[in-house]
């Protein structure tokens, strides 16, 4: 779970990219052509279950931080829902083609 959580923490937006480069002894980073985010919920679901089972606050805090990032970077104007992000390392908000 630590690696999954790190995938969110290493981006500018706090949202996970679709694919990452990994190498022994080096930090993970989003692959250049896969920096988009489709807002997949699996990691958050796992964090919720882990919090419920272990009561470890770090999982709850992680979920809250991701929720705040979703609200900030992927929520559509007027509260009409959420959209995918074109590049998780660019703090420009919602992708123009998804407005």
C-alpha atoms as a PDB file:
ATOM      1  CA  UNK A   1       0.000   0.000   0.000  1.00  0.00           C
ATOM      2  CA  UNK A   2       2.935   2.338   0.659  1.00  0.00           C
ATOM      3  CA  UNK A   3       3.907   2.349  -3.022  1.00  0.00           C
ATOM      4  CA  UNK A   4       0.321   3.069  -4.089  1.00  0.00           C
ATOM      5  CA  UNK A   5       0.174   5.983  -1.664  1.00  0.00           C
ATOM      6  CA  UNK A   6       3.524   7.270  -2.944  1.00  0.00           C
ATOM      7  CA  UNK A   7       2.126   7.321  -6.493  1.00  0.00           C
ATOM      8  CA  UNK A   8      -0.223  10.098  -5.379  1.00  0.00           C
ATOM      9  CA  UNK A   9       2.337  11.939  -3.262  1.00  0.00           C
ATOM     10  CA  UNK A  10       4.967  12.352  -6.013  1.00  0.00           C
ATOM     11  CA  UNK A  11       2.767  14.378  -8.373  1.00  0.00           C
ATOM     12  CA  UNK A  12       2.101  18.104  -8.416  1.00  0.00           C
ATOM     13  CA  UNK A  13      -1.668  17.638  -8.176  1.00  0.00           C
ATOM     14  CA  UNK A  14      -1.692  14.855  -5.600  1.00  0.00           C
ATOM     15  CA  UNK A  15      -3.485  12.574  -8.076  1.00  0.00           C
ATOM     16  CA  UNK A  16      -2.068   9.329  -9.419  1.00  0.00           C
ATOM     17  CA  UNK A  17      -0.970   8.885 -13.025  1.00  0.00           C
ATOM     18  CA  UNK A  18      -1.802   5.778 -15.064  1.00  0.00           C
ATOM     19  CA  UNK A  19       1.733   4.365 -15.180  1.00  0.00           C
ATOM     20  CA  UNK A  20       5.025   4.898 -13.349  1.00  0.00           C
ATOM     21  CA  UNK A  21       8.724   4.360 -13.938  1.00  0.00           C
ATOM     22  CA  UNK A  22      10.422   2.380 -11.206  1.00  0.00           C
ATOM     23  CA  UNK A  23      14.063   1.483 -10.695  1.00  0.00           C
ATOM     24  CA  UNK A  24      15.895   0.103  -7.667  1.00  0.00           C
ATOM     25  CA  UNK A  25      17.136   2.911  -5.451  1.00  0.00           C
ATOM     26  CA  UNK A  26      15.336   5.644  -7.389  1.00  0.00           C
ATOM     27  CA  UNK A  27      12.058   7.411  -6.599  1.00  0.00           C
ATOM     28  CA  UNK A  28       9.013   6.484  -8.645  1.00  0.00           C
ATOM     29  CA  UNK A  29       7.827   8.976 -11.246  1.00  0.00           C
ATOM     30  CA  UNK A  30       4.990   9.047 -13.773  1.00  0.00           C
ATOM     31  CA  UNK A  31       5.917   7.780 -17.226  1.00  0.00           C
ATOM     32  CA  UNK A  32       6.042  10.642 -19.702  1.00  0.00           C
ATOM     33  CA  UNK A  33       3.258   9.350 -21.963  1.00  0.00           C
ATOM     34  CA  UNK A  34       1.013   8.137 -19.125  1.00  0.00           C
ATOM     35  CA  UNK A  35       0.758  11.215 -16.883  1.00  0.00           C
ATOM     36  CA  UNK A  36      -3.013  11.373 -17.230  1.00  0.00           C
ATOM     37  CA  UNK A  37      -5.392  10.280 -14.482  1.00  0.00           C
ATOM     38  CA  UNK A  38      -8.703   8.529 -15.018  1.00  0.00           C
ATOM     39  CA  UNK A  39      -9.506   8.960 -11.303  1.00  0.00           C
ATOM     40  CA  UNK A  40      -9.438   5.252 -10.528  1.00  0.00           C
ATOM     41  CA  UNK A  41     -10.848   4.527  -7.049  1.00  0.00           C
ATOM     42  CA  UNK A  42      -9.057   1.274  -6.174  1.00  0.00           C
ATOM     43  CA  UNK A  43      -6.307   2.770  -4.014  1.00  0.00           C
ATOM     44  CA  UNK A  44      -8.783   4.855  -2.032  1.00  0.00           C
ATOM     45  CA  UNK A  45     -11.012   1.835  -1.488  1.00  0.00           C
ATOM     46  CA  UNK A  46      -8.010  -0.103  -0.194  1.00  0.00           C
ATOM     47  CA  UNK A  47      -7.025   2.751   2.120  1.00  0.00           C
ATOM     48  CA  UNK A  48     -10.558   2.851   3.512  1.00  0.00           C
ATOM     49  CA  UNK A  49     -10.590  -0.894   4.190  1.00  0.00           C
ATOM     50  CA  UNK A  50      -7.131  -0.737   5.786  1.00  0.00           C
ATOM     51  CA  UNK A  51      -8.224   2.124   8.025  1.00  0.00           C
ATOM     52  CA  UNK A  52     -11.360   0.233   9.090  1.00  0.00           C
ATOM     53  CA  UNK A  53      -9.385  -2.932   9.855  1.00  0.00           C
ATOM     54  CA  UNK A  54      -6.253  -1.417  11.450  1.00  0.00           C
ATOM     55  CA  UNK A  55      -7.572   1.939  12.728  1.00  0.00           C
ATOM     56  CA  UNK A  56      -4.240   3.382  11.547  1.00  0.00           C
ATOM     57  CA  UNK A  57      -4.870   7.091  10.993  1.00  0.00           C
ATOM     58  CA  UNK A  58      -2.358   7.321   8.112  1.00  0.00           C
ATOM     59  CA  UNK A  59      -4.835   5.585   5.791  1.00  0.00           C
ATOM     60  CA  UNK A  60      -7.627   7.962   6.711  1.00  0.00           C
ATOM     61  CA  UNK A  61      -5.323  10.983   6.283  1.00  0.00           C
ATOM     62  CA  UNK A  62      -4.228   9.686   2.876  1.00  0.00           C
ATOM     63  CA  UNK A  63      -7.838   9.355   1.752  1.00  0.00           C
ATOM     64  CA  UNK A  64      -8.613  12.880   2.897  1.00  0.00           C
ATOM     65  CA  UNK A  65      -5.644  14.327   1.000  1.00  0.00           C
ATOM     66  CA  UNK A  66      -6.667  12.554  -2.202  1.00  0.00           C
ATOM     67  CA  UNK A  67     -10.249  13.776  -1.763  1.00  0.00           C
ATOM     68  CA  UNK A  68      -8.983  17.349  -1.425  1.00  0.00           C
ATOM     69  CA  UNK A  69      -6.901  16.912  -4.601  1.00  0.00           C
ATOM     70  CA  UNK A  70      -9.927  15.559  -6.473  1.00  0.00           C
ATOM     71  CA  UNK A  71     -11.985  18.540  -5.383  1.00  0.00           C
ATOM     72  CA  UNK A  72      -9.277  21.000  -6.376  1.00  0.00           C
ATOM     73  CA  UNK A  73      -8.100  19.546  -9.698  1.00  0.00           C
ATOM     74  CA  UNK A  74     -10.851  17.436 -11.217  1.00  0.00           C
ATOM     75  CA  UNK A  75     -14.180  18.852 -10.073  1.00  0.00           C
ATOM     76  CA  UNK A  76     -16.115  20.442 -12.902  1.00  0.00           C
ATOM     77  CA  UNK A  77     -17.373  24.030 -12.549  1.00  0.00           C
ATOM     78  CA  UNK A  78     -20.774  24.285 -10.930  1.00  0.00           C
ATOM     79  CA  UNK A  79     -20.369  20.935  -9.204  1.00  0.00           C
ATOM     80  CA  UNK A  80     -21.406  19.005 -12.320  1.00  0.00           C
ATOM     81  CA  UNK A  81     -19.142  16.054 -11.502  1.00  0.00           C
ATOM     82  CA  UNK A  82     -15.499  15.155 -11.950  1.00  0.00           C
ATOM     83  CA  UNK A  83     -13.262  14.764 -14.982  1.00  0.00           C
ATOM     84  CA  UNK A  84     -10.054  12.989 -15.924  1.00  0.00           C
ATOM     85  CA  UNK A  85      -6.818  14.953 -15.692  1.00  0.00           C
ATOM     86  CA  UNK A  86      -4.568  15.253 -18.760  1.00  0.00           C
ATOM     87  CA  UNK A  87      -1.306  15.620 -16.775  1.00  0.00           C
ATOM     88  CA  UNK A  88      -1.005  15.065 -13.022  1.00  0.00           C
ATOM     89  CA  UNK A  89       2.179  17.126 -12.936  1.00  0.00           C
ATOM     90  CA  UNK A  90       0.620  20.284 -14.379  1.00  0.00           C
ATOM     91  CA  UNK A  91      -1.375  22.407 -11.963  1.00  0.00           C
ATOM     92  CA  UNK A  92      -3.792  23.877 -14.490  1.00  0.00           C
ATOM     93  CA  UNK A  93      -6.919  22.169 -13.244  1.00  0.00           C
ATOM     94  CA  UNK A  94      -9.481  20.554 -15.501  1.00  0.00           C
ATOM     95  CA  UNK A  95      -8.423  19.516 -18.992  1.00  0.00           C
ATOM     96  CA  UNK A  96      -9.837  21.859 -21.624  1.00  0.00           C
ATOM     97  CA  UNK A  97     -11.269  18.983 -23.685  1.00  0.00           C
ATOM     98  CA  UNK A  98     -13.277  17.762 -20.682  1.00  0.00           C
ATOM     99  CA  UNK A  99     -15.085  21.012 -19.833  1.00  0.00           C
END
